[in-house]
Amino acid sequence: MEKLISCCGLNCASCDARIATLANDDELRRQTAEKWRVMYNSPDITPEMINCTGCRKEGAKIGHWAVCGMRACASSKGFNTCGQCNTLLNCDTIKPVLQFAPDAVENLKSA
């Protein structure tokens, strides 16, 4: 399976937002917005917001990209991902992602 590891260790290659963007699939955008509204308790997510090529790739970015603390922190330290940081496992900024997606640590180690 293709891997495209984000700053926080999520695999963008398997993300429905990226898949919908690359395929220009409005139905997948609608389904993803519906799922994310519930999953993230964020009723304001619309299908039009579901456009992203991945945080480390050129192109469209999901709205959260601009305020993502993990991306900003890694970038400020000159890192491509949080996996380059020696405080990764003790970091309060990335902790919620690692609890939600435990495979992110392995992704970061292999990125």
Protein backbone atom coordinates (compact mmCIF):
# COMPACT_ATOMS: atom_id res chain seq x y z
CA MET A 1 0.00 0.00 0.00
CA GLU A 2 1.19 3.49 -0.86
CA LYS A 3 2.24 5.67 2.05
CA LEU A 4 2.28 9.43 2.17
CA ILE A 5 3.04 10.30 5.78
CA SER A 6 1.81 13.61 7.15
CA CYS A 7 3.63 15.74 9.71
CA CYS A 8 1.74 13.97 12.51
CA GLY A 9 2.11 10.44 11.12
CA LEU A 10 -1.27 9.91 9.49
CA ASN A 11 -1.12 8.23 6.09
CA CYS A 12 -2.53 10.77 3.63
CA ALA A 13 -2.54 8.13 0.88
CA SER A 14 -5.44 6.38 2.60
CA CYS A 15 -7.30 9.57 3.61
CA ASP A 16 -10.74 9.96 2.04
CA ALA A 17 -10.21 13.73 1.64
CA ARG A 18 -7.10 13.17 -0.48
CA ILE A 19 -8.70 10.35 -2.44
CA ALA A 20 -11.77 12.50 -3.16
CA THR A 21 -9.57 15.43 -4.19
CA LEU A 22 -7.40 13.45 -6.58
CA ALA A 23 -10.42 11.72 -8.13
CA ASN A 24 -12.57 14.87 -8.05
CA ASP A 25 -15.23 12.68 -6.44
CA ASP A 26 -18.06 14.81 -5.07
CA GLU A 27 -19.91 11.82 -3.64
CA LEU A 28 -16.87 10.79 -1.59
CA ARG A 29 -16.52 14.42 -0.46
CA ARG A 30 -20.15 14.34 0.71
CA GLN A 31 -19.67 11.01 2.52
CA THR A 32 -16.43 12.18 4.12
CA ALA A 33 -17.96 15.45 5.33
CA GLU A 34 -20.88 13.51 6.82
CA LYS A 35 -18.54 11.06 8.57
CA TRP A 36 -16.18 13.78 9.84
CA ARG A 37 -19.04 15.93 11.18
CA VAL A 38 -19.86 13.08 13.56
CA MET A 39 -16.31 11.81 14.15
CA TYR A 40 -14.88 15.23 15.03
CA ASN A 41 -18.09 16.64 16.53
CA SER A 42 -17.88 19.45 13.99
CA PRO A 43 -21.26 20.12 12.37
CA ASP A 44 -19.82 22.88 10.17
CA ILE A 45 -17.83 20.53 7.90
CA THR A 46 -19.19 20.67 4.37
CA PRO A 47 -18.35 18.65 1.24
CA GLU A 48 -16.81 21.80 -0.25
CA MET A 49 -14.21 21.74 2.54
CA ILE A 50 -13.05 18.24 1.59
CA ASN A 51 -10.12 19.14 -0.66
CA CYS A 52 -6.59 18.14 0.26
CA THR A 53 -3.56 16.65 -1.43
CA GLY A 54 -1.74 16.04 1.87
CA CYS A 55 0.01 18.43 4.23
CA ARG A 56 3.44 17.71 2.78
CA LYS A 57 2.44 17.86 -0.90
CA GLU A 58 1.76 20.80 -3.20
CA GLY A 59 -1.87 21.55 -3.89
CA ALA A 60 -5.13 21.92 -2.01
CA LYS A 61 -5.13 21.78 1.78
CA ILE A 62 -7.91 20.97 4.21
CA GLY A 63 -8.85 24.06 6.27
CA HIS A 64 -7.24 22.71 9.45
CA TRP A 65 -3.82 22.75 7.73
CA ALA A 66 -3.43 26.49 8.34
CA VAL A 67 -3.85 26.12 12.11
CA CYS A 68 -2.39 22.65 12.67
CA GLY A 69 -0.12 22.89 15.71
CA MET A 70 1.83 19.76 14.78
CA ARG A 71 2.63 21.00 11.27
CA ALA A 72 3.58 24.44 12.59
CA CYS A 73 5.81 22.99 15.31
CA ALA A 74 7.60 20.57 12.98
CA SER A 75 8.09 23.31 10.40
CA SER A 76 9.44 25.76 13.00
CA LYS A 77 12.08 23.18 13.97
CA GLY A 78 13.00 22.48 10.34
CA PHE A 79 11.51 18.97 10.49
CA ASN A 80 9.53 17.23 7.76
CA THR A 81 7.54 15.27 10.35
CA CYS A 82 7.13 15.04 14.10
CA GLY A 83 9.08 11.78 13.89
CA GLN A 84 12.30 13.77 13.69
CA CYS A 85 11.69 15.28 17.12
CA ASN A 86 13.29 13.63 20.16
CA THR A 87 10.28 14.54 22.34
CA LEU A 88 7.73 12.79 20.09
CA LEU A 89 6.45 10.28 22.64
CA ASN A 90 6.14 12.92 25.39
CA CYS A 91 4.65 15.70 23.26
CA ASP A 92 1.28 17.10 24.35
CA THR A 93 0.70 18.62 20.90
CA ILE A 94 0.71 15.31 19.02
CA LYS A 95 -0.66 13.20 21.88
CA PRO A 96 -4.32 13.28 20.68
CA VAL A 97 -3.33 12.01 17.23
CA LEU A 98 -1.22 9.21 18.66
CA GLN A 99 -4.14 8.14 20.88
CA PHE A 100 -6.57 8.27 17.95
CA ALA A 101 -4.19 6.63 15.45
CA PRO A 102 -1.59 4.49 17.22
CA ASP A 103 -0.06 3.43 13.88
CA ALA A 104 1.07 7.05 13.42
CA VAL A 105 4.19 6.40 15.55
CA GLU A 106 5.26 3.55 13.26
CA ASN A 107 4.53 5.71 10.22
CA LEU A 108 6.70 8.48 11.65
CA LYS A 109 9.55 6.07 12.33
CA SER A 110 9.46 4.90 8.72
CA ALA A 111 8.95 8.32 7.09
